[in-house]
C-alpha atoms as a PDB file:
ATOM      1  CA  MET A   1     166.042  59.275 162.849  1.00  0.00           C
ATOM      2  CA  SER A   2     166.083  59.476 158.920  1.00  0.00           C
ATOM      3  CA  ARG A   3     163.450  60.676 156.910  1.00  0.00           C
ATOM      4  CA  THR A   4     162.345  57.086 155.896  1.00  0.00           C
ATOM      5  CA  ASP A   5     162.086  56.669 159.813  1.00  0.00           C
ATOM      6  CA  LEU A   6     159.949  59.335 159.966  1.00  0.00           C
ATOM      7  CA  THR A   7     157.776  58.899 157.044  1.00  0.00           C
ATOM      8  CA  ALA A   8     157.399  55.324 158.468  1.00  0.00           C
ATOM      9  CA  ALA A   9     156.359  56.269 162.204  1.00  0.00           C
ATOM     10  CA  ARG A  10     153.942  59.048 160.518  1.00  0.00           C
ATOM     11  CA  LEU A  11     152.228  56.175 158.498  1.00  0.00           C
ATOM     12  CA  ALA A  12     152.331  53.382 161.342  1.00  0.00           C
ATOM     13  CA  PRO A  13     148.626  52.469 162.468  1.00  0.00           C
ATOM     14  CA  GLN A  14     147.921  53.995 166.179  1.00  0.00           C
ATOM     15  CA  PRO A  15     146.835  51.705 168.133  1.00  0.00           C
ATOM     16  CA  ALA A  16     144.113  53.855 169.661  1.00  0.00           C
ATOM     17  CA  ASP A  17     142.622  57.155 168.994  1.00  0.00           C
ATOM     18  CA  TYR A  18     140.585  58.927 171.573  1.00  0.00           C
ATOM     19  CA  SER A  19     138.784  62.301 172.498  1.00  0.00           C
ATOM     20  CA  ILE A  20     137.854  63.767 175.415  1.00  0.00           C
ATOM     21  CA  ASP A  21     134.476  65.832 176.075  1.00  0.00           C
ATOM     22  CA  ALA A  22     135.521  67.441 179.093  1.00  0.00           C
ATOM     23  CA  LYS A  23     132.216  69.416 179.409  1.00  0.00           C
ATOM     24  CA  GLY A  24     129.798  65.929 178.879  1.00  0.00           C
ATOM     25  CA  LYS A  25     132.500  63.977 181.167  1.00  0.00           C
ATOM     26  CA  LEU A  26     133.000  61.963 178.071  1.00  0.00           C
ATOM     27  CA  VAL A  27     136.086  59.772 176.608  1.00  0.00           C
ATOM     28  CA  ARG A  28     135.799  57.976 173.286  1.00  0.00           C
ATOM     29  CA  VAL A  29     138.504  55.795 172.278  1.00  0.00           C
ATOM     30  CA  LYS A  30     138.523  53.544 169.477  1.00  0.00           C
ATOM     31  CA  PHE A  31     141.322  50.522 169.218  1.00  0.00           C
ATOM     32  CA  GLY A  32     142.613  49.231 165.958  1.00  0.00           C
ATOM     33  CA  LYS A  33     143.159  46.312 164.189  1.00  0.00           C
ATOM     34  CA  LYS A  34     145.392  44.705 166.831  1.00  0.00           C
ATOM     35  CA  LEU A  35     144.855  45.296 170.356  1.00  0.00           C
ATOM     36  CA  ASN A  36     147.590  44.209 172.889  1.00  0.00           C
ATOM     37  CA  ALA A  37     148.676  44.763 176.318  1.00  0.00           C
ATOM     38  CA  ALA A  38     151.064  47.667 175.051  1.00  0.00           C
ATOM     39  CA  ALA A  39     148.294  49.346 172.742  1.00  0.00           C
ATOM     40  CA  ILE A  40     145.948  49.463 175.831  1.00  0.00           C
ATOM     41  CA  GLY A  41     149.165  50.904 178.298  1.00  0.00           C
ATOM     42  CA  SER A  42     149.911  53.330 175.658  1.00  0.00           C
ATOM     43  CA  TYR A  43     146.363  54.600 175.577  1.00  0.00           C
ATOM     44  CA  ALA A  44     146.251  54.790 179.485  1.00  0.00           C
ATOM     45  CA  SER A  45     149.535  56.842 180.007  1.00  0.00           C
ATOM     46  CA  GLN A  46     148.942  59.207 176.919  1.00  0.00           C
ATOM     47  CA  LEU A  47     144.990  59.512 178.640  1.00  0.00           C
ATOM     48  CA  ALA A  48     146.224  60.169 182.363  1.00  0.00           C
ATOM     49  CA  ALA A  49     148.712  62.738 181.149  1.00  0.00           C
ATOM     50  CA  ASP A  50     146.175  64.648 179.493  1.00  0.00           C
ATOM     51  CA  PRO A  51     145.076  67.750 181.507  1.00  0.00           C
ATOM     52  CA  SER A  52     141.253  67.691 180.210  1.00  0.00           C
ATOM     53  CA  PHE A  53     141.005  64.204 181.883  1.00  0.00           C
ATOM     54  CA  HIS A  54     139.612  63.111 185.023  1.00  0.00           C
ATOM     55  CA  PRO A  55     139.229  59.635 186.463  1.00  0.00           C
ATOM     56  CA  ASP A  56     135.510  59.957 187.008  1.00  0.00           C
ATOM     57  CA  PHE A  57     135.050  60.662 183.330  1.00  0.00           C
ATOM     58  CA  SER A  58     132.877  57.925 181.497  1.00  0.00           C
ATOM     59  CA  GLU A  59     134.165  56.210 178.683  1.00  0.00           C
ATOM     60  CA  ILE A  60     133.035  54.386 175.422  1.00  0.00           C
ATOM     61  CA  VAL A  61     135.455  51.940 174.247  1.00  0.00           C
ATOM     62  CA  ASP A  62     134.848  51.199 170.548  1.00  0.00           C
ATOM     63  CA  LEU A  63     136.237  47.944 169.477  1.00  0.00           C
ATOM     64  CA  ARG A  64     134.599  46.870 166.219  1.00  0.00           C
ATOM     65  CA  ASP A  65     137.899  47.421 164.333  1.00  0.00           C
ATOM     66  CA  VAL A  66     139.789  44.736 166.079  1.00  0.00           C
ATOM     67  CA  GLU A  67     140.660  41.876 164.344  1.00  0.00           C
ATOM     68  CA  GLU A  68     143.279  40.294 166.397  1.00  0.00           C
ATOM     69  CA  ALA A  69     143.346  40.737 170.485  1.00  0.00           C
ATOM     70  CA  ASP A  70     146.552  39.442 171.881  1.00  0.00           C
ATOM     71  CA  LEU A  71     145.826  39.512 175.561  1.00  0.00           C
ATOM     72  CA  GLN A  72     146.685  36.823 178.349  1.00  0.00           C
ATOM     73  CA  ALA A  73     145.052  36.451 181.715  1.00  0.00           C
ATOM     74  CA  ASP A  74     147.649  38.107 183.655  1.00  0.00           C
ATOM     75  CA  ASP A  75     147.496  41.261 180.892  1.00  0.00           C
ATOM     76  CA  PHE A  76     144.100  41.611 182.128  1.00  0.00           C
ATOM     77  CA  LEU A  77     144.727  41.547 185.632  1.00  0.00           C
ATOM     78  CA  LYS A  78     148.069  44.036 185.099  1.00  0.00           C
ATOM     79  CA  LEU A  79     145.503  45.985 182.742  1.00  0.00           C
ATOM     80  CA  ALA A  80     142.367  46.536 185.263  1.00  0.00           C
ATOM     81  CA  ASP A  81     144.318  46.574 188.530  1.00  0.00           C
ATOM     82  CA  LYS A  82     147.159  48.970 187.738  1.00  0.00           C
ATOM     83  CA  ILE A  83     147.301  50.337 184.479  1.00  0.00           C
ATOM     84  CA  ASP A  84     143.493  51.474 184.185  1.00  0.00           C
ATOM     85  CA  PRO A  85     143.090  55.503 184.559  1.00  0.00           C
ATOM     86  CA  PHE A  86     139.641  55.559 185.001  1.00  0.00           C
ATOM     87  CA  SER A  87     138.070  55.487 188.656  1.00  0.00           C
ATOM     88  CA  PRO A  88     136.160  52.081 189.969  1.00  0.00           C
ATOM     89  CA  THR A  89     133.165  54.162 189.684  1.00  0.00           C
ATOM     90  CA  ALA A  90     133.370  55.600 186.107  1.00  0.00           C
ATOM     91  CA  LYS A  91     130.703  54.224 183.872  1.00  0.00           C
ATOM     92  CA  ARG A  92     132.144  52.371 180.931  1.00  0.00           C
ATOM     93  CA  ALA A  93     130.426  51.226 177.480  1.00  0.00           C
ATOM     94  CA  PHE A  94     132.645  48.795 174.898  1.00  0.00           C
ATOM     95  CA  VAL A  95     131.227  48.579 171.313  1.00  0.00           C
ATOM     96  CA  VAL A  96     131.814  45.208 169.893  1.00  0.00           C
ATOM     97  CA  GLN A  97     130.815  43.026 166.851  1.00  0.00           C
ATOM     98  CA  THR A  98     132.630  39.953 167.029  1.00  0.00           C
ATOM     99  CA  VAL A  99     133.453  37.509 169.639  1.00  0.00           C
ATOM    100  CA  THR A 100     137.053  37.947 169.868  1.00  0.00           C
ATOM    101  CA  GLN A 101     136.065  41.373 170.689  1.00  0.00           C
ATOM    102  CA  GLN A 102     133.148  40.511 173.119  1.00  0.00           C
ATOM    103  CA  HIS A 103     136.040  38.117 174.762  1.00  0.00           C
ATOM    104  CA  ALA A 104     138.052  41.081 175.584  1.00  0.00           C
ATOM    105  CA  ALA A 105     135.185  43.598 176.586  1.00  0.00           C
ATOM    106  CA  ARG A 106     133.739  40.904 179.054  1.00  0.00           C
ATOM    107  CA  MET A 107     137.448  39.926 180.586  1.00  0.00           C
ATOM    108  CA  HIS A 108     137.662  43.473 181.399  1.00  0.00           C
ATOM    109  CA  GLN A 109     134.274  43.486 182.729  1.00  0.00           C
ATOM    110  CA  ILE A 110     134.664  40.412 184.892  1.00  0.00           C
ATOM    111  CA  LEU A 111     137.556  42.198 186.394  1.00  0.00           C
ATOM    112  CA  ARG A 112     135.953  44.918 187.701  1.00  0.00           C
ATOM    113  CA  SER A 113     133.643  44.217 190.539  1.00  0.00           C
ATOM    114  CA  GLU A 114     131.402  47.628 190.274  1.00  0.00           C
ATOM    115  CA  ARG A 115     128.371  46.951 187.926  1.00  0.00           C
ATOM    116  CA  ASN A 116     129.292  50.153 185.641  1.00  0.00           C
ATOM    117  CA  ILE A 117     130.712  48.471 182.654  1.00  0.00           C
ATOM    118  CA  ALA A 118     128.196  47.291 179.876  1.00  0.00           C
ATOM    119  CA  ILE A 119     129.103  45.850 176.221  1.00  0.00           C
ATOM    120  CA  PHE A 120     126.689  47.169 173.040  1.00  0.00           C
ATOM    121  CA  SER A 121     126.672  46.311 169.708  1.00  0.00           C
ATOM    122  CA  THR A 122     126.207  49.650 168.231  1.00  0.00           C
ATOM    123  CA  ILE A 123     127.648  53.520 169.648  1.00  0.00           C
ATOM    124  CA  GLU A 124     123.863  54.787 169.816  1.00  0.00           C
ATOM    125  CA  GLU A 125     123.300  51.862 172.565  1.00  0.00           C
ATOM    126  CA  ALA A 126     126.450  52.703 174.275  1.00  0.00           C
ATOM    127  CA  GLU A 127     125.756  56.591 174.190  1.00  0.00           C
ATOM    128  CA  ILE A 128     122.104  56.025 175.311  1.00  0.00           C
ATOM    129  CA  TRP A 129     123.287  54.033 178.731  1.00  0.00           C
ATOM    130  CA  ILE A 130     126.221  56.401 179.287  1.00  0.00           C
ATOM    131  CA  ALA A 131     123.636  59.189 179.430  1.00  0.00           C
ATOM    132  CA  SER A 132     121.256  57.061 181.614  1.00  0.00           C
END
């Protein structure tokens, strides 16, 4: 890889930044401007491989920076059924501000039969719900 390629790779926006609070049993993830199946799949793979992660942890998903969501119905199904590293009982909170973000979160909520996914407009609301 050339020096220019390395610089471009470092400067390329990351599709998702996440942190794990193992003691609090919580994963926080913030997605960037473009949300697609590849970005979500990459995050899920990194998370599943992280030794600090456990599938029963709760998750706060911050979608507030997402400007473009390129996800089709089959992407949602594949993500929910095959790629999602969380257990079906894990509490999941989505934080949204736009209709596009709301739609992406709602599709995931619909595909999970458990009633452990909620959508909020602030991180603070999500944290309160996760802690309850």
